[in-house]
């Protein structure tokens, strides 16, 4: 077997594995969408994240006051 045959085999196997993984990923994505709860069942607050709001500081640059 020559080096060209080995490289062609590697490329073909890589392409086939990529296509198979793409199909598996698409199926997993569709199954995940099917399991998603309806908007009525979802809570109002975020499930995984806590919203952080910085305290309203009177001396912050965003309020428009400048320290002299």
N, C-alpha and C. Protein backbone atom coordinates (compact mmCIF):
# COMPACT_ATOMS: atom_id res chain seq x y z
N UNK A 1 0.85 -1.18 0.00
CA UNK A 1 0.00 0.00 0.00
C UNK A 1 0.90 1.25 0.00
N UNK A 2 0.62 2.13 -0.93
CA UNK A 2 1.46 3.33 -1.05
C UNK A 2 0.96 4.40 -0.10
N UNK A 3 1.74 5.44 0.01
CA UNK A 3 1.41 6.54 0.91
C UNK A 3 0.15 7.26 0.44
N UNK A 4 -0.07 7.31 -0.87
CA UNK A 4 -1.26 7.96 -1.42
C UNK A 4 -2.52 7.19 -1.00
N UNK A 5 -2.45 5.87 -1.07
CA UNK A 5 -3.60 5.06 -0.67
C UNK A 5 -3.92 5.24 0.82
N UNK A 6 -2.88 5.35 1.63
CA UNK A 6 -3.09 5.54 3.07
C UNK A 6 -3.72 6.91 3.34
N UNK A 7 -3.23 7.94 2.66
CA UNK A 7 -3.80 9.28 2.85
C UNK A 7 -5.24 9.35 2.36
N UNK A 8 -5.54 8.72 1.23
CA UNK A 8 -6.91 8.70 0.72
C UNK A 8 -7.83 7.98 1.71
N UNK A 9 -7.37 6.89 2.27
CA UNK A 9 -8.17 6.15 3.24
C UNK A 9 -8.43 6.99 4.49
N UNK A 10 -7.41 7.68 4.95
CA UNK A 10 -7.58 8.54 6.14
C UNK A 10 -8.58 9.65 5.85
N UNK A 11 -8.50 10.26 4.68
CA UNK A 11 -9.42 11.35 4.34
C UNK A 11 -10.85 10.84 4.22
N UNK A 12 -11.05 9.71 3.58
CA UNK A 12 -12.40 9.16 3.42
C UNK A 12 -12.98 8.78 4.77
N UNK A 13 -12.20 8.16 5.62
CA UNK A 13 -12.69 7.78 6.95
C UNK A 13 -13.02 9.03 7.76
N UNK A 14 -12.21 10.06 7.67
CA UNK A 14 -12.47 11.30 8.39
C UNK A 14 -13.77 11.95 7.91
N UNK A 15 -14.00 11.96 6.62
CA UNK A 15 -15.24 12.53 6.08
C UNK A 15 -16.45 11.73 6.56
N UNK A 16 -16.37 10.42 6.52
CA UNK A 16 -17.49 9.58 6.95
C UNK A 16 -17.77 9.74 8.44
N UNK A 17 -16.73 9.81 9.25
CA UNK A 17 -16.93 10.00 10.69
C UNK A 17 -17.54 11.37 10.96
N UNK A 18 -17.14 12.38 10.22
CA UNK A 18 -17.70 13.71 10.39
C UNK A 18 -19.19 13.72 10.04
N UNK A 19 -19.57 13.06 8.98
CA UNK A 19 -20.98 13.00 8.59
C UNK A 19 -21.79 12.24 9.64
N UNK A 20 -21.26 11.15 10.14
CA UNK A 20 -21.97 10.37 11.17
C UNK A 20 -22.13 11.20 12.44
N UNK A 21 -21.10 11.90 12.86
CA UNK A 21 -21.20 12.75 14.05
C UNK A 21 -22.18 13.90 13.84
N UNK A 22 -22.24 14.45 12.64
CA UNK A 22 -23.20 15.51 12.35
C UNK A 22 -24.63 14.99 12.46
N UNK A 23 -24.90 13.81 11.95
CA UNK A 23 -26.24 13.23 12.04
C UNK A 23 -26.59 12.94 13.49
N UNK A 24 -25.67 12.40 14.27
CA UNK A 24 -25.93 12.12 15.69
C UNK A 24 -26.19 13.41 16.45
N UNK A 25 -25.42 14.45 16.14
CA UNK A 25 -25.62 15.73 16.82
C UNK A 25 -26.97 16.33 16.47
N UNK A 26 -27.39 16.23 15.23
CA UNK A 26 -28.68 16.76 14.82
C UNK A 26 -29.83 16.01 15.50
N UNK A 27 -29.71 14.70 15.60
CA UNK A 27 -30.74 13.90 16.28
C UNK A 27 -30.80 14.28 17.76
N UNK A 28 -29.65 14.45 18.40
CA UNK A 28 -29.62 14.84 19.82
C UNK A 28 -30.23 16.22 20.00
N UNK A 29 -29.99 17.14 19.07
CA UNK A 29 -30.57 18.49 19.13
C UNK A 29 -32.09 18.42 19.02
N UNK A 30 -32.60 17.63 18.10
CA UNK A 30 -34.05 17.51 17.94
C UNK A 30 -34.69 16.84 19.16
N UNK A 31 -34.03 15.86 19.76
CA UNK A 31 -34.56 15.23 20.96
C UNK A 31 -34.58 16.22 22.12
N UNK A 32 -33.58 17.07 22.20
CA UNK A 32 -33.54 18.08 23.26
C UNK A 32 -34.65 19.10 23.08
N UNK A 33 -34.92 19.50 21.85
CA UNK A 33 -36.01 20.43 21.59
C UNK A 33 -37.36 19.82 21.95
N UNK A 34 -37.50 18.53 21.74
CA UNK A 34 -38.76 17.86 22.05
C UNK A 34 -38.98 17.79 23.56
N UNK A 35 -37.92 17.77 24.36
CA UNK A 35 -38.04 17.69 25.80
C UNK A 35 -38.20 19.04 26.47
N UNK A 36 -38.05 20.13 25.74
CA UNK A 36 -38.11 21.47 26.31
C UNK A 36 -39.51 21.73 26.88
N UNK A 37 -39.59 22.24 28.10
CA UNK A 37 -40.90 22.53 28.66
C UNK A 37 -41.56 23.71 27.95
N UNK A 38 -42.88 23.76 28.05
CA UNK A 38 -43.61 24.85 27.41
C UNK A 38 -43.33 26.15 28.15
N UNK A 39 -43.53 27.29 27.51
CA UNK A 39 -43.27 28.57 28.18
C UNK A 39 -44.13 28.77 29.43
N UNK A 40 -45.30 28.15 29.49
CA UNK A 40 -46.16 28.29 30.68
C UNK A 40 -45.57 27.56 31.88
N UNK A 41 -44.79 26.51 31.63
CA UNK A 41 -44.20 25.72 32.72
C UNK A 41 -42.89 26.30 33.23
N UNK A 42 -42.30 27.25 32.51
CA UNK A 42 -41.01 27.78 32.91
C UNK A 42 -41.18 28.84 33.98
N UNK A 43 -40.29 28.86 34.96
CA UNK A 43 -40.38 29.89 36.01
C UNK A 43 -39.99 31.26 35.47
N UNK A 44 -40.38 32.29 36.19
CA UNK A 44 -40.09 33.65 35.77
C UNK A 44 -38.60 33.98 35.91
N UNK A 45 -37.97 33.51 36.98
CA UNK A 45 -36.55 33.81 37.19
C UNK A 45 -35.69 32.81 36.42
N UNK A 46 -34.47 33.20 36.09
CA UNK A 46 -33.58 32.30 35.37
C UNK A 46 -33.28 31.04 36.19
N UNK A 47 -33.16 29.93 35.50
CA UNK A 47 -32.93 28.66 36.18
C UNK A 47 -31.48 28.49 36.60
N UNK A 48 -30.56 28.91 35.79
CA UNK A 48 -29.15 28.60 36.04
C UNK A 48 -28.32 29.80 36.48
N UNK A 49 -28.83 31.01 36.31
CA UNK A 49 -28.03 32.18 36.59
C UNK A 49 -28.73 33.08 37.59
N UNK A 50 -27.96 33.74 38.42
CA UNK A 50 -28.49 34.75 39.31
C UNK A 50 -28.17 36.10 38.70
N UNK A 51 -29.19 36.93 38.56
CA UNK A 51 -28.95 38.26 38.01
C UNK A 51 -28.25 39.11 39.04
N UNK A 52 -27.24 39.81 38.60
CA UNK A 52 -26.48 40.68 39.49
C UNK A 52 -26.68 42.11 39.06
N UNK A 53 -27.21 42.90 39.95
CA UNK A 53 -27.37 44.33 39.68
C UNK A 53 -26.48 45.06 40.68
N UNK A 54 -25.52 45.82 40.20
CA UNK A 54 -24.64 46.54 41.12
C UNK A 54 -25.45 47.59 41.88
N UNK A 55 -25.03 47.89 43.10
CA UNK A 55 -25.77 48.89 43.88
C UNK A 55 -25.67 50.26 43.23
N UNK A 56 -26.72 51.04 43.41
CA UNK A 56 -26.73 52.39 42.86
C UNK A 56 -25.84 53.26 43.73
N UNK A 57 -24.65 53.52 43.26
CA UNK A 57 -23.67 54.28 44.00
C UNK A 57 -23.74 55.74 43.54
N UNK A 58 -23.89 56.68 44.46
CA UNK A 58 -24.04 58.10 44.10
C UNK A 58 -22.77 58.66 43.46
N UNK A 59 -21.61 58.11 43.74
CA UNK A 59 -20.36 58.64 43.21
C UNK A 59 -19.88 57.93 41.97
N UNK A 60 -20.69 57.08 41.40
CA UNK A 60 -20.23 56.34 40.23
C UNK A 60 -20.24 57.23 39.00
N UNK A 61 -19.37 56.98 38.04
CA UNK A 61 -19.30 57.81 36.84
C UNK A 61 -20.57 57.74 36.00
N UNK A 62 -21.36 56.69 36.14
CA UNK A 62 -22.56 56.54 35.32
C UNK A 62 -23.66 57.52 35.73
N UNK A 63 -23.65 58.01 36.96
CA UNK A 63 -24.70 58.92 37.40
C UNK A 63 -24.47 60.34 36.92
N UNK A 64 -23.32 60.61 36.38
CA UNK A 64 -23.05 61.93 35.84
C UNK A 64 -22.29 62.82 36.79
N UNK A 65 -22.05 62.38 38.01
CA UNK A 65 -21.30 63.20 38.94
C UNK A 65 -19.81 62.94 38.75
N UNK A 66 -19.05 63.98 38.85
CA UNK A 66 -17.60 63.86 38.66
C UNK A 66 -16.91 64.31 39.94
N UNK A 67 -15.96 63.48 40.40
CA UNK A 67 -15.20 63.86 41.58
C UNK A 67 -14.14 64.89 41.18
N UNK A 68 -14.09 65.99 41.90
CA UNK A 68 -13.13 67.04 41.56
C UNK A 68 -11.92 66.99 42.44
